[in-house]
Amino acid sequence: MTHGHDILHMMEGNTYHTKSDLVKAVVEKFGPQETFHTCSAEGMNAEEIVDFLDGRGKFMRTPDGGFTVDITKVCNH
């Protein structure tokens, strides 16, 4: 089980144009069967963790209309 922080750190320096692009990148990096957890939730698949992180305001828009991680919103524990 992979922590959501690992996805946020994977996003640093990268821009994604859709949530589907990010889900695809997560599956490519961690594998299609991987499950994810955070400090407050667990047992999520790639699409669910991306939606969870988005819902928690962890992403920010980029000038080209995509999005990336808002590094100021990543907790460090």
PDB file of N, CA and C in Angstrom:
ATOM      1  N   MET A   1       0.848  -1.169   0.000  1.00  0.00           N
ATOM      2  CA  MET A   1       0.000   0.000   0.000  1.00  0.00           C
ATOM      3  C   MET A   1       0.898   1.238   0.000  1.00  0.00           C
ATOM      4  N   THR A   2       0.613   2.155  -0.905  1.00  0.00           N
ATOM      5  CA  THR A   2       1.421   3.352  -1.096  1.00  0.00           C
ATOM      6  C   THR A   2       0.709   4.562  -0.502  1.00  0.00           C
ATOM      7  N   HIS A   3       1.472   5.440   0.141  1.00  0.00           N
ATOM      8  CA  HIS A   3       0.890   6.647   0.738  1.00  0.00           C
ATOM      9  C   HIS A   3       0.671   7.711  -0.332  1.00  0.00           C
ATOM     10  N   GLY A   4      -0.375   8.492  -0.176  1.00  0.00           N
ATOM     11  CA  GLY A   4      -0.688   9.578  -1.096  1.00  0.00           C
ATOM     12  C   GLY A   4       0.442  10.579  -1.258  1.00  0.00           C
ATOM     13  N   HIS A   5       1.276  10.726  -0.216  1.00  0.00           N
ATOM     14  CA  HIS A   5       2.422  11.639  -0.317  1.00  0.00           C
ATOM     15  C   HIS A   5       3.342  11.241  -1.469  1.00  0.00           C
ATOM     16  N   ASP A   6       3.454   9.928  -1.713  1.00  0.00           N
ATOM     17  CA  ASP A   6       4.320   9.468  -2.800  1.00  0.00           C
ATOM     18  C   ASP A   6       3.819   9.961  -4.158  1.00  0.00           C
ATOM     19  N   ILE A   7       2.516  10.035  -4.321  1.00  0.00           N
ATOM     20  CA  ILE A   7       1.948  10.565  -5.561  1.00  0.00           C
ATOM     21  C   ILE A   7       2.235  12.060  -5.664  1.00  0.00           C
ATOM     22  N   LEU A   8       2.048  12.778  -4.571  1.00  0.00           N
ATOM     23  CA  LEU A   8       2.299  14.220  -4.589  1.00  0.00           C
ATOM     24  C   LEU A   8       3.755  14.514  -4.917  1.00  0.00           C
ATOM     25  N   HIS A   9       4.667  13.740  -4.362  1.00  0.00           N
ATOM     26  CA  HIS A   9       6.086  13.951  -4.662  1.00  0.00           C
ATOM     27  C   HIS A   9       6.409  13.567  -6.110  1.00  0.00           C
ATOM     28  N   MET A  10       5.731  12.544  -6.632  1.00  0.00           N
ATOM     29  CA  MET A  10       5.901  12.153  -8.027  1.00  0.00           C
ATOM     30  C   MET A  10       5.482  13.289  -8.955  1.00  0.00           C
ATOM     31  N   MET A  11       4.511  14.074  -8.528  1.00  0.00           N
ATOM     32  CA  MET A  11       3.970  15.158  -9.349  1.00  0.00           C
ATOM     33  C   MET A  11       4.881  16.380  -9.395  1.00  0.00           C
ATOM     34  N   GLU A  12       5.782  16.526  -8.443  1.00  0.00           N
ATOM     35  CA  GLU A  12       6.638  17.715  -8.392  1.00  0.00           C
ATOM     36  C   GLU A  12       7.375  17.903  -9.717  1.00  0.00           C
ATOM     37  N   GLY A  13       7.246  19.090 -10.294  1.00  0.00           N
ATOM     38  CA  GLY A  13       7.925  19.399 -11.549  1.00  0.00           C
ATOM     39  C   GLY A  13       7.216  18.882 -12.778  1.00  0.00           C
ATOM     40  N   ASN A  14       6.073  18.232 -12.606  1.00  0.00           N
ATOM     41  CA  ASN A  14       5.320  17.686 -13.727  1.00  0.00           C
ATOM     42  C   ASN A  14       3.955  18.351 -13.809  1.00  0.00           C
ATOM     43  N   THR A  15       3.458  18.506 -15.029  1.00  0.00           N
ATOM     44  CA  THR A  15       2.130  19.062 -15.264  1.00  0.00           C
ATOM     45  C   THR A  15       1.265  17.989 -15.911  1.00  0.00           C
ATOM     46  N   TYR A  16       0.029  17.903 -15.470  1.00  0.00           N
ATOM     47  CA  TYR A  16      -0.945  16.966 -16.030  1.00  0.00           C
ATOM     48  C   TYR A  16      -2.100  17.794 -16.568  1.00  0.00           C
ATOM     49  N   HIS A  17      -2.630  17.404 -17.721  1.00  0.00           N
ATOM     50  CA  HIS A  17      -3.687  18.195 -18.337  1.00  0.00           C
ATOM     51  C   HIS A  17      -5.071  17.733 -17.910  1.00  0.00           C
ATOM     52  N   THR A  18      -5.188  16.473 -17.510  1.00  0.00           N
ATOM     53  CA  THR A  18      -6.466  15.959 -17.004  1.00  0.00           C
ATOM     54  C   THR A  18      -6.180  15.028 -15.834  1.00  0.00           C
ATOM     55  N   LYS A  19      -7.231  14.782 -15.059  1.00  0.00           N
ATOM     56  CA  LYS A  19      -7.077  13.806 -13.982  1.00  0.00           C
ATOM     57  C   LYS A  19      -6.780  12.419 -14.555  1.00  0.00           C
ATOM     58  N   SER A  20      -7.324  12.129 -15.725  1.00  0.00           N
ATOM     59  CA  SER A  20      -7.048  10.842 -16.375  1.00  0.00           C
ATOM     60  C   SER A  20      -5.566  10.687 -16.678  1.00  0.00           C
ATOM     61  N   ASP A  21      -4.905  11.788 -17.090  1.00  0.00           N
ATOM     62  CA  ASP A  21      -3.455  11.742 -17.332  1.00  0.00           C
ATOM     63  C   ASP A  21      -2.707  11.383 -16.048  1.00  0.00           C
ATOM     64  N   LEU A  22      -3.135  11.984 -14.944  1.00  0.00           N
ATOM     65  CA  LEU A  22      -2.476  11.691 -13.673  1.00  0.00           C
ATOM     66  C   LEU A  22      -2.743  10.258 -13.245  1.00  0.00           C
ATOM     67  N   VAL A  23      -3.974   9.785 -13.371  1.00  0.00           N
ATOM     68  CA  VAL A  23      -4.287   8.398 -13.017  1.00  0.00           C
ATOM     69  C   VAL A  23      -3.416   7.449 -13.824  1.00  0.00           C
ATOM     70  N   LYS A  24      -3.278   7.703 -15.114  1.00  0.00           N
ATOM     71  CA  LYS A  24      -2.435   6.859 -15.979  1.00  0.00           C
ATOM     72  C   LYS A  24      -0.993   6.856 -15.482  1.00  0.00           C
ATOM     73  N   ALA A  25      -0.456   8.024 -15.114  1.00  0.00           N
ATOM     74  CA  ALA A  25       0.916   8.118 -14.617  1.00  0.00           C
ATOM     75  C   ALA A  25       1.070   7.360 -13.287  1.00  0.00           C
ATOM     76  N   VAL A  26       0.064   7.441 -12.428  1.00  0.00           N
ATOM     77  CA  VAL A  26       0.097   6.725 -11.146  1.00  0.00           C
ATOM     78  C   VAL A  26       0.127   5.216 -11.394  1.00  0.00           C
ATOM     79  N   VAL A  27      -0.724   4.743 -12.290  1.00  0.00           N
ATOM     80  CA  VAL A  27      -0.768   3.303 -12.599  1.00  0.00           C
ATOM     81  C   VAL A  27       0.551   2.854 -13.214  1.00  0.00           C
ATOM     82  N   GLU A  28       1.126   3.664 -14.098  1.00  0.00           N
ATOM     83  CA  GLU A  28       2.408   3.300 -14.712  1.00  0.00           C
ATOM     84  C   GLU A  28       3.523   3.214 -13.678  1.00  0.00           C
ATOM     85  N   LYS A  29       3.512   4.119 -12.701  1.00  0.00           N
ATOM     86  CA  LYS A  29       4.578   4.140 -11.697  1.00  0.00           C
ATOM     87  C   LYS A  29       4.397   3.067 -10.628  1.00  0.00           C
ATOM     88  N   PHE A  30       3.168   2.902 -10.135  1.00  0.00           N
ATOM     89  CA  PHE A  30       2.943   2.036  -8.977  1.00  0.00           C
ATOM     90  C   PHE A  30       2.300   0.699  -9.312  1.00  0.00           C
ATOM     91  N   GLY A  31       1.778   0.556 -10.525  1.00  0.00           N
ATOM     92  CA  GLY A  31       1.157  -0.698 -10.943  1.00  0.00           C
ATOM     93  C   GLY A  31      -0.349  -0.655 -10.819  1.00  0.00           C
ATOM     94  N   PRO A  32      -1.036  -1.429 -11.662  1.00  0.00           N
ATOM     95  CA  PRO A  32      -2.502  -1.374 -11.710  1.00  0.00           C
ATOM     96  C   PRO A  32      -3.193  -1.969 -10.476  1.00  0.00           C
ATOM     97  N   GLN A  33      -2.507  -2.794  -9.726  1.00  0.00           N
ATOM     98  CA  GLN A  33      -3.132  -3.428  -8.565  1.00  0.00           C
ATOM     99  C   GLN A  33      -2.810  -2.725  -7.245  1.00  0.00           C
ATOM    100  N   GLU A  34      -1.985  -1.676  -7.295  1.00  0.00           N
ATOM    101  CA  GLU A  34      -1.586  -0.994  -6.064  1.00  0.00           C
ATOM    102  C   GLU A  34      -2.784  -0.313  -5.403  1.00  0.00           C
ATOM    103  N   THR A  35      -2.789  -0.309  -4.087  1.00  0.00           N
ATOM    104  CA  THR A  35      -3.778   0.446  -3.337  1.00  0.00           C
ATOM    105  C   THR A  35      -3.065   1.568  -2.598  1.00  0.00           C
ATOM    106  N   PHE A  36      -3.830   2.580  -2.256  1.00  0.00           N
ATOM    107  CA  PHE A  36      -3.257   3.795  -1.695  1.00  0.00           C
ATOM    108  C   PHE A  36      -3.949   4.161  -0.394  1.00  0.00           C
ATOM    109  N   HIS A  37      -3.202   4.876   0.444  1.00  0.00           N
ATOM    110  CA  HIS A  37      -3.767   5.356   1.701  1.00  0.00           C
ATOM    111  C   HIS A  37      -3.238   6.746   1.988  1.00  0.00           C
ATOM    112  N   THR A  38      -3.907   7.417   2.906  1.00  0.00           N
ATOM    113  CA  THR A  38      -3.471   8.718   3.399  1.00  0.00           C
ATOM    114  C   THR A  38      -3.556   8.664   4.914  1.00  0.00           C
ATOM    115  N   CYS A  39      -3.373   9.792   5.539  1.00  0.00           N
ATOM    116  CA  CYS A  39      -3.463   9.845   6.994  1.00  0.00           C
ATOM    117  C   CYS A  39      -4.889   9.566   7.468  1.00  0.00           C
ATOM    118  N   SER A  40      -5.876   9.780   6.590  1.00  0.00           N
ATOM    119  CA  SER A  40      -7.269   9.643   7.018  1.00  0.00           C
ATOM    120  C   SER A  40      -8.103   8.644   6.229  1.00  0.00           C
ATOM    121  N   ALA A  41      -7.540   8.008   5.221  1.00  0.00           N
ATOM    122  CA  ALA A  41      -8.302   7.057   4.400  1.00  0.00           C
ATOM    123  C   ALA A  41      -7.369   5.984   3.863  1.00  0.00           C
ATOM    124  N   GLU A  42      -7.956   4.836   3.518  1.00  0.00           N
ATOM    125  CA  GLU A  42      -7.127   3.762   2.958  1.00  0.00           C
ATOM    126  C   GLU A  42      -7.933   2.910   2.002  1.00  0.00           C
ATOM    127  N   GLY A  43      -7.220   2.047   1.271  1.00  0.00           N
ATOM    128  CA  GLY A  43      -7.856   1.106   0.361  1.00  0.00           C
ATOM    129  C   GLY A  43      -8.337   1.716  -0.945  1.00  0.00           C
ATOM    130  N   MET A  44      -7.727   2.804  -1.381  1.00  0.00           N
ATOM    131  CA  MET A  44      -8.160   3.472  -2.611  1.00  0.00           C
ATOM    132  C   MET A  44      -7.361   2.972  -3.812  1.00  0.00           C
ATOM    133  N   ASN A  45      -8.014   2.942  -4.975  1.00  0.00           N
ATOM    134  CA  ASN A  45      -7.289   2.645  -6.212  1.00  0.00           C
ATOM    135  C   ASN A  45      -6.749   3.957  -6.775  1.00  0.00           C
ATOM    136  N   ALA A  46      -6.110   3.918  -7.936  1.00  0.00           N
ATOM    137  CA  ALA A  46      -5.459   5.109  -8.500  1.00  0.00           C
ATOM    138  C   ALA A  46      -6.457   6.233  -8.748  1.00  0.00           C
ATOM    139  N   GLU A  47      -7.599   5.928  -9.317  1.00  0.00           N
ATOM    140  CA  GLU A  47      -8.588   6.970  -9.593  1.00  0.00           C
ATOM    141  C   GLU A  47      -9.137   7.567  -8.299  1.00  0.00           C
ATOM    142  N   GLU A  48      -9.383   6.722  -7.324  1.00  0.00           N
ATOM    143  CA  GLU A  48      -9.919   7.209  -6.048  1.00  0.00           C
ATOM    144  C   GLU A  48      -8.927   8.096  -5.307  1.00  0.00           C
ATOM    145  N   ILE A  49      -7.636   7.739  -5.319  1.00  0.00           N
ATOM    146  CA  ILE A  49      -6.650   8.565  -4.611  1.00  0.00           C
ATOM    147  C   ILE A  49      -6.486   9.912  -5.312  1.00  0.00           C
ATOM    148  N   VAL A  50      -6.529   9.941  -6.642  1.00  0.00           N
ATOM    149  CA  VAL A  50      -6.431  11.209  -7.365  1.00  0.00           C
ATOM    150  C   VAL A  50      -7.635  12.091  -7.020  1.00  0.00           C
ATOM    151  N   ASP A  51      -8.828  11.521  -7.008  1.00  0.00           N
ATOM    152  CA  ASP A  51     -10.018  12.291  -6.628  1.00  0.00           C
ATOM    153  C   ASP A  51      -9.922  12.768  -5.181  1.00  0.00           C
ATOM    154  N   PHE A  52      -9.423  11.907  -4.302  1.00  0.00           N
ATOM    155  CA  PHE A  52      -9.265  12.262  -2.893  1.00  0.00           C
ATOM    156  C   PHE A  52      -8.316  13.450  -2.741  1.00  0.00           C
ATOM    157  N   LEU A  53      -7.156  13.371  -3.383  1.00  0.00           N
ATOM    158  CA  LEU A  53      -6.167  14.453  -3.279  1.00  0.00           C
ATOM    159  C   LEU A  53      -6.705  15.753  -3.878  1.00  0.00           C
ATOM    160  N   ASP A  54      -7.404  15.652  -4.986  1.00  0.00           N
ATOM    161  CA  ASP A  54      -8.008  16.830  -5.603  1.00  0.00           C
ATOM    162  C   ASP A  54      -9.040  17.442  -4.653  1.00  0.00           C
ATOM    163  N   GLY A  55      -9.857  16.616  -4.055  1.00  0.00           N
ATOM    164  CA  GLY A  55     -10.870  17.092  -3.127  1.00  0.00           C
ATOM    165  C   GLY A  55     -10.287  17.759  -1.896  1.00  0.00           C
ATOM    166  N   ARG A  56      -9.060  17.414  -1.559  1.00  0.00           N
ATOM    167  CA  ARG A  56      -8.378  18.012  -0.406  1.00  0.00           C
ATOM    168  C   ARG A  56      -7.563  19.248  -0.787  1.00  0.00           C
ATOM    169  N   GLY A  57      -7.688  19.680  -2.057  1.00  0.00           N
ATOM    170  CA  GLY A  57      -7.021  20.907  -2.488  1.00  0.00           C
ATOM    171  C   GLY A  57      -5.519  20.783  -2.655  1.00  0.00           C
ATOM    172  N   LYS A  58      -5.027  19.589  -2.983  1.00  0.00           N
ATOM    173  CA  LYS A  58      -3.582  19.365  -3.102  1.00  0.00           C
ATOM    174  C   LYS A  58      -3.009  19.766  -4.453  1.00  0.00           C
ATOM    175  N   PHE A  59      -3.863  20.128  -5.417  1.00  0.00           N
ATOM    176  CA  PHE A  59      -3.413  20.482  -6.749  1.00  0.00           C
ATOM    177  C   PHE A  59      -3.583  21.979  -6.988  1.00  0.00           C
ATOM    178  N   MET A  60      -2.798  22.505  -7.922  1.00  0.00           N
ATOM    179  CA  MET A  60      -2.962  23.895  -8.343  1.00  0.00           C
ATOM    180  C   MET A  60      -2.901  23.956  -9.860  1.00  0.00           C
ATOM    181  N   ARG A  61      -3.583  24.920 -10.423  1.00  0.00           N
ATOM    182  CA  ARG A  61      -3.614  25.124 -11.872  1.00  0.00           C
ATOM    183  C   ARG A  61      -2.293  25.678 -12.362  1.00  0.00           C
ATOM    184  N   THR A  62      -1.949  25.318 -13.581  1.00  0.00           N
ATOM    185  CA  THR A  62      -0.746  25.848 -14.218  1.00  0.00           C
ATOM    186  C   THR A  62      -1.176  26.824 -15.319  1.00  0.00           C
ATOM    187  N   PRO A  63      -0.278  27.699 -15.752  1.00  0.00           N
ATOM    188  CA  PRO A  63      -0.638  28.695 -16.782  1.00  0.00           C
ATOM    189  C   PRO A  63      -1.163  28.080 -18.080  1.00  0.00           C
ATOM    190  N   ASP A  64      -0.748  26.855 -18.388  1.00  0.00           N
ATOM    191  CA  ASP A  64      -1.189  26.233 -19.642  1.00  0.00           C
ATOM    192  C   ASP A  64      -2.518  25.497 -19.513  1.00  0.00           C
ATOM    193  N   GLY A  65      -3.188  25.646 -18.370  1.00  0.00           N
ATOM    194  CA  GLY A  65      -4.499  25.027 -18.199  1.00  0.00           C
ATOM    195  C   GLY A  65      -4.465  23.654 -17.566  1.00  0.00           C
ATOM    196  N   GLY A  66      -3.284  23.156 -17.273  1.00  0.00           N
ATOM    197  CA  GLY A  66      -3.172  21.871 -16.598  1.00  0.00           C
ATOM    198  C   GLY A  66      -3.134  22.066 -15.097  1.00  0.00           C
ATOM    199  N   PHE A  67      -2.591  21.100 -14.405  1.00  0.00           N
ATOM    200  CA  PHE A  67      -2.434  21.209 -12.972  1.00  0.00           C
ATOM    201  C   PHE A  67      -1.208  20.444 -12.511  1.00  0.00           C
ATOM    202  N   THR A  68      -0.747  20.772 -11.327  1.00  0.00           N
ATOM    203  CA  THR A  68       0.387  20.105 -10.705  1.00  0.00           C
ATOM    204  C   THR A  68       0.138  20.091  -9.204  1.00  0.00           C
ATOM    205  N   VAL A  69       1.083  19.573  -8.455  1.00  0.00           N
ATOM    206  CA  VAL A  69       0.939  19.537  -7.002  1.00  0.00           C
ATOM    207  C   VAL A  69       1.166  20.937  -6.429  1.00  0.00           C
ATOM    208  N   ASP A  70       0.370  21.270  -5.429  1.00  0.00           N
ATOM    209  CA  ASP A  70       0.615  22.487  -4.657  1.00  0.00           C
ATOM    210  C   ASP A  70       1.489  22.062  -3.485  1.00  0.00           C
ATOM    211  N   ILE A  71       2.787  22.207  -3.633  1.00  0.00           N
ATOM    212  CA  ILE A  71       3.756  21.685  -2.674  1.00  0.00           C
ATOM    213  C   ILE A  71       3.568  22.292  -1.288  1.00  0.00           C
ATOM    214  N   THR A  72       2.924  23.446  -1.210  1.00  0.00           N
ATOM    215  CA  THR A  72       2.671  24.060   0.100  1.00  0.00           C
ATOM    216  C   THR A  72       1.604  23.296   0.881  1.00  0.00           C
ATOM    217  N   LYS A  73       0.896  22.392   0.209  1.00  0.00           N
ATOM    218  CA  LYS A  73      -0.171  21.650   0.870  1.00  0.00           C
ATOM    219  C   LYS A  73       0.172  20.178   1.101  1.00  0.00           C
ATOM    220  N   VAL A  74       1.463  19.880   1.084  1.00  0.00           N
ATOM    221  CA  VAL A  74       1.917  18.520   1.359  1.00  0.00           C
ATOM    222  C   VAL A  74       2.430  18.489   2.794  1.00  0.00           C
ATOM    223  N   CYS A  75       1.798  17.681   3.630  1.00  0.00           N
ATOM    224  CA  CYS A  75       2.291  17.596   5.012  1.00  0.00           C
ATOM    225  C   CYS A  75       3.555  16.742   5.039  1.00  0.00           C
ATOM    226  N   ASN A  76       4.399  17.006   5.987  1.00  0.00           N
ATOM    227  CA  ASN A  76       5.718  16.357   6.038  1.00  0.00           C
ATOM    228  C   ASN A  76       5.875  15.477   7.267  1.00  0.00           C
ATOM    229  N   HIS A  77       5.035  14.480   7.366  1.00  0.00           N
ATOM    230  CA  HIS A  77       5.183  13.551   8.494  1.00  0.00           C
ATOM    231  C   HIS A  77       5.281  12.139   8.005  1.00  0.00           C
TER     232      HIS A  77
END
